[in-house]
Amino acid sequence: MFECLLQGNANLQLSLDSYSGQISVHAPSRKLFNEEFHLIPREKRSRRPLKALTVFTDTSGASHKSVMTWRNPQTQHWEADVEFVEVSPQVAELAAVVRAFEKFLEPINLVTDSAYVVGVVSRAEQAVLKDIENERLFKLLSKLIYLVSH
């Protein structure tokens, strides 16, 4: 690693240019420095279906309804959560997904037909949100990031 740094770092080359001593590179003796650790946390999102509840989301642009539905494991009856929202169909579908994450704290399979929502949810984990003008969208994204990360 030192050789790689020496070849690619001009500041290191200049500072060692007329150095006539010896350079020794070794790991510190402390156990902590010799442990393997990962800076990137393990993904919470699974790329494969889980043995878990499946929640479906959809929206209707004409009626401005944001819907999530699931089959209750205890009763085996279909249940739904419908909310009237006067926003774009993409934001309405995002609202349904956020409600699903709020309602079900355990792992779920989420099924949506919105490429927009899939993209947003897949990027939400460990995301940092900048301030955006659309207050409704900002609140939904903030909730989503919090729920997915926790």
Protein backbone atom coordinates (compact mmCIF):
# COMPACT_ATOMS: atom_id res chain seq x y z
CA MET A 1 0.00 0.00 0.00
CA PHE A 2 2.87 2.34 0.79
CA GLU A 3 4.36 1.78 -2.67
CA CYS A 4 1.02 2.65 -4.24
CA LEU A 5 0.79 5.85 -2.17
CA LEU A 6 4.36 6.81 -3.02
CA GLN A 7 3.70 6.42 -6.75
CA GLY A 8 0.43 8.35 -6.80
CA ASN A 9 0.84 11.07 -4.16
CA ALA A 10 2.94 14.06 -5.22
CA ASN A 11 2.97 15.55 -1.70
CA LEU A 12 4.40 12.33 -0.25
CA GLN A 13 7.01 12.19 -3.02
CA LEU A 14 8.11 15.78 -2.34
CA SER A 15 8.29 15.30 1.42
CA LEU A 16 10.42 12.15 1.07
CA ASP A 17 12.53 13.47 -1.83
CA SER A 18 15.77 14.02 0.08
CA TYR A 19 15.03 11.70 3.01
CA SER A 20 18.01 9.37 3.49
CA GLY A 21 16.63 7.25 6.32
CA GLN A 22 14.71 4.00 6.26
CA ILE A 23 10.90 3.72 6.11
CA SER A 24 9.16 0.90 7.91
CA VAL A 25 5.51 0.11 7.38
CA HIS A 26 3.73 -2.19 9.81
CA ALA A 27 0.29 -2.50 11.39
CA PRO A 28 -0.02 -1.33 15.00
CA SER A 29 0.08 -4.12 17.55
CA ARG A 30 -3.36 -3.32 18.98
CA LYS A 31 -6.03 -5.89 18.18
CA LEU A 32 -8.48 -3.20 17.03
CA PHE A 33 -6.25 -2.24 14.10
CA ASN A 34 -5.90 -5.83 12.93
CA GLU A 35 -9.67 -6.58 12.94
CA GLU A 36 -11.63 -6.61 9.72
CA PHE A 37 -14.42 -4.06 9.71
CA HIS A 38 -16.87 -2.73 7.16
CA LEU A 39 -17.65 0.94 6.76
CA ILE A 40 -20.80 0.29 4.74
CA PRO A 41 -23.62 -1.23 6.80
CA ARG A 42 -25.42 -4.31 5.58
CA GLU A 43 -28.38 -3.55 3.32
CA LYS A 44 -31.79 -3.86 4.93
CA ARG A 45 -33.44 -4.30 1.54
CA SER A 46 -33.57 -7.80 0.13
CA ARG A 47 -33.36 -8.45 -3.57
CA ARG A 48 -35.30 -11.70 -3.15
CA PRO A 49 -38.83 -12.21 -1.84
CA LEU A 50 -39.03 -12.90 1.88
CA LYS A 51 -41.23 -15.35 3.72
CA ALA A 52 -43.23 -12.39 4.97
CA LEU A 53 -46.40 -10.42 4.43
CA THR A 54 -46.82 -9.04 0.90
CA VAL A 55 -48.22 -5.53 0.58
CA PHE A 56 -49.47 -4.21 -2.76
CA THR A 57 -49.66 -0.49 -3.54
CA ASP A 58 -51.40 1.34 -6.35
CA THR A 59 -52.90 4.69 -7.16
CA SER A 60 -55.63 6.09 -9.34
CA GLY A 61 -54.96 9.35 -11.09
CA ALA A 62 -58.65 9.90 -11.86
CA SER A 63 -59.99 9.40 -8.32
CA HIS A 64 -56.82 10.60 -6.52
CA LYS A 65 -56.79 7.50 -4.32
CA SER A 66 -53.62 6.06 -2.83
CA VAL A 67 -54.14 2.40 -1.92
CA MET A 68 -52.25 -0.32 -0.11
CA THR A 69 -53.72 -3.78 0.33
CA TRP A 70 -52.60 -7.00 1.99
CA ARG A 71 -53.97 -10.35 3.08
CA ASN A 72 -54.31 -10.53 6.86
CA PRO A 73 -52.40 -13.66 7.99
CA GLN A 74 -54.77 -14.30 10.93
CA THR A 75 -58.12 -13.92 9.16
CA GLN A 76 -57.00 -14.66 5.58
CA HIS A 77 -59.18 -11.73 4.47
CA TRP A 78 -57.96 -8.95 2.22
CA GLU A 79 -57.61 -5.59 3.94
CA ALA A 80 -56.98 -2.18 2.45
CA ASP A 81 -55.88 1.28 3.45
CA VAL A 82 -57.18 3.95 1.08
CA GLU A 83 -56.29 7.61 1.30
CA PHE A 84 -57.52 10.48 -0.87
CA VAL A 85 -54.55 12.56 -2.03
CA GLU A 86 -54.52 15.43 -4.50
CA VAL A 87 -51.00 15.01 -5.85
CA SER A 88 -49.38 13.41 -8.86
CA PRO A 89 -49.88 9.63 -9.28
CA GLN A 90 -46.20 9.04 -8.44
CA VAL A 91 -46.42 10.96 -5.16
CA ALA A 92 -49.74 9.24 -4.35
CA GLU A 93 -48.08 5.84 -4.82
CA LEU A 94 -45.15 6.98 -2.67
CA ALA A 95 -47.67 7.95 0.03
CA ALA A 96 -49.08 4.39 -0.03
CA VAL A 97 -45.58 2.92 0.32
CA VAL A 98 -44.77 5.21 3.26
CA ARG A 99 -48.03 4.15 4.95
CA ALA A 100 -47.05 0.50 4.42
CA PHE A 101 -43.71 1.07 6.15
CA GLU A 102 -45.48 2.93 8.97
CA LYS A 103 -48.09 0.20 9.47
CA PHE A 104 -45.86 -2.87 9.22
CA LEU A 105 -42.75 -2.61 11.35
CA GLU A 106 -41.67 -6.18 10.54
CA PRO A 107 -40.10 -7.11 7.19
CA ILE A 108 -42.54 -7.06 4.26
CA ASN A 109 -42.54 -7.76 0.55
CA LEU A 110 -43.59 -4.61 -1.27
CA VAL A 111 -45.19 -4.81 -4.72
CA THR A 112 -45.71 -1.65 -6.77
CA ASP A 113 -46.13 -0.91 -10.46
CA SER A 114 -44.37 2.46 -10.20
CA ALA A 115 -40.79 2.59 -11.47
CA TYR A 116 -40.53 6.00 -9.77
CA VAL A 117 -41.39 4.53 -6.35
CA VAL A 118 -39.07 1.54 -6.83
CA GLY A 119 -36.21 3.92 -7.60
CA VAL A 120 -36.96 6.16 -4.62
CA VAL A 121 -37.32 3.28 -2.15
CA SER A 122 -34.19 1.52 -3.39
CA ARG A 123 -32.17 4.70 -2.78
CA ALA A 124 -33.80 5.68 0.53
CA GLU A 125 -31.62 3.56 2.79
CA GLN A 126 -28.75 5.68 4.18
CA ALA A 127 -29.90 8.65 2.02
CA VAL A 128 -29.48 12.28 2.97
CA LEU A 129 -32.31 14.53 1.81
CA LYS A 130 -31.76 18.10 0.74
CA ASP A 131 -34.49 20.70 1.18
CA ILE A 132 -37.00 20.64 -1.67
CA GLU A 133 -39.80 23.07 -2.51
CA ASN A 134 -42.67 20.55 -2.64
CA GLU A 135 -43.52 20.30 1.08
CA ARG A 136 -45.74 17.20 0.71
CA LEU A 137 -43.01 15.32 -1.19
CA PHE A 138 -40.35 16.46 1.28
CA LYS A 139 -42.38 15.11 4.23
CA LEU A 140 -43.00 11.78 2.47
CA LEU A 141 -39.34 11.35 1.56
CA SER A 142 -38.23 12.29 5.07
CA LYS A 143 -40.58 9.71 6.58
CA LEU A 144 -39.50 7.07 4.07
CA ILE A 145 -35.80 7.60 4.76
CA TYR A 146 -36.39 7.42 8.50
CA LEU A 147 -38.58 4.30 8.32
CA VAL A 148 -36.30 2.39 5.95
CA SER A 149 -33.17 3.28 7.90
CA HIS A 150 -34.66 2.29 11.24
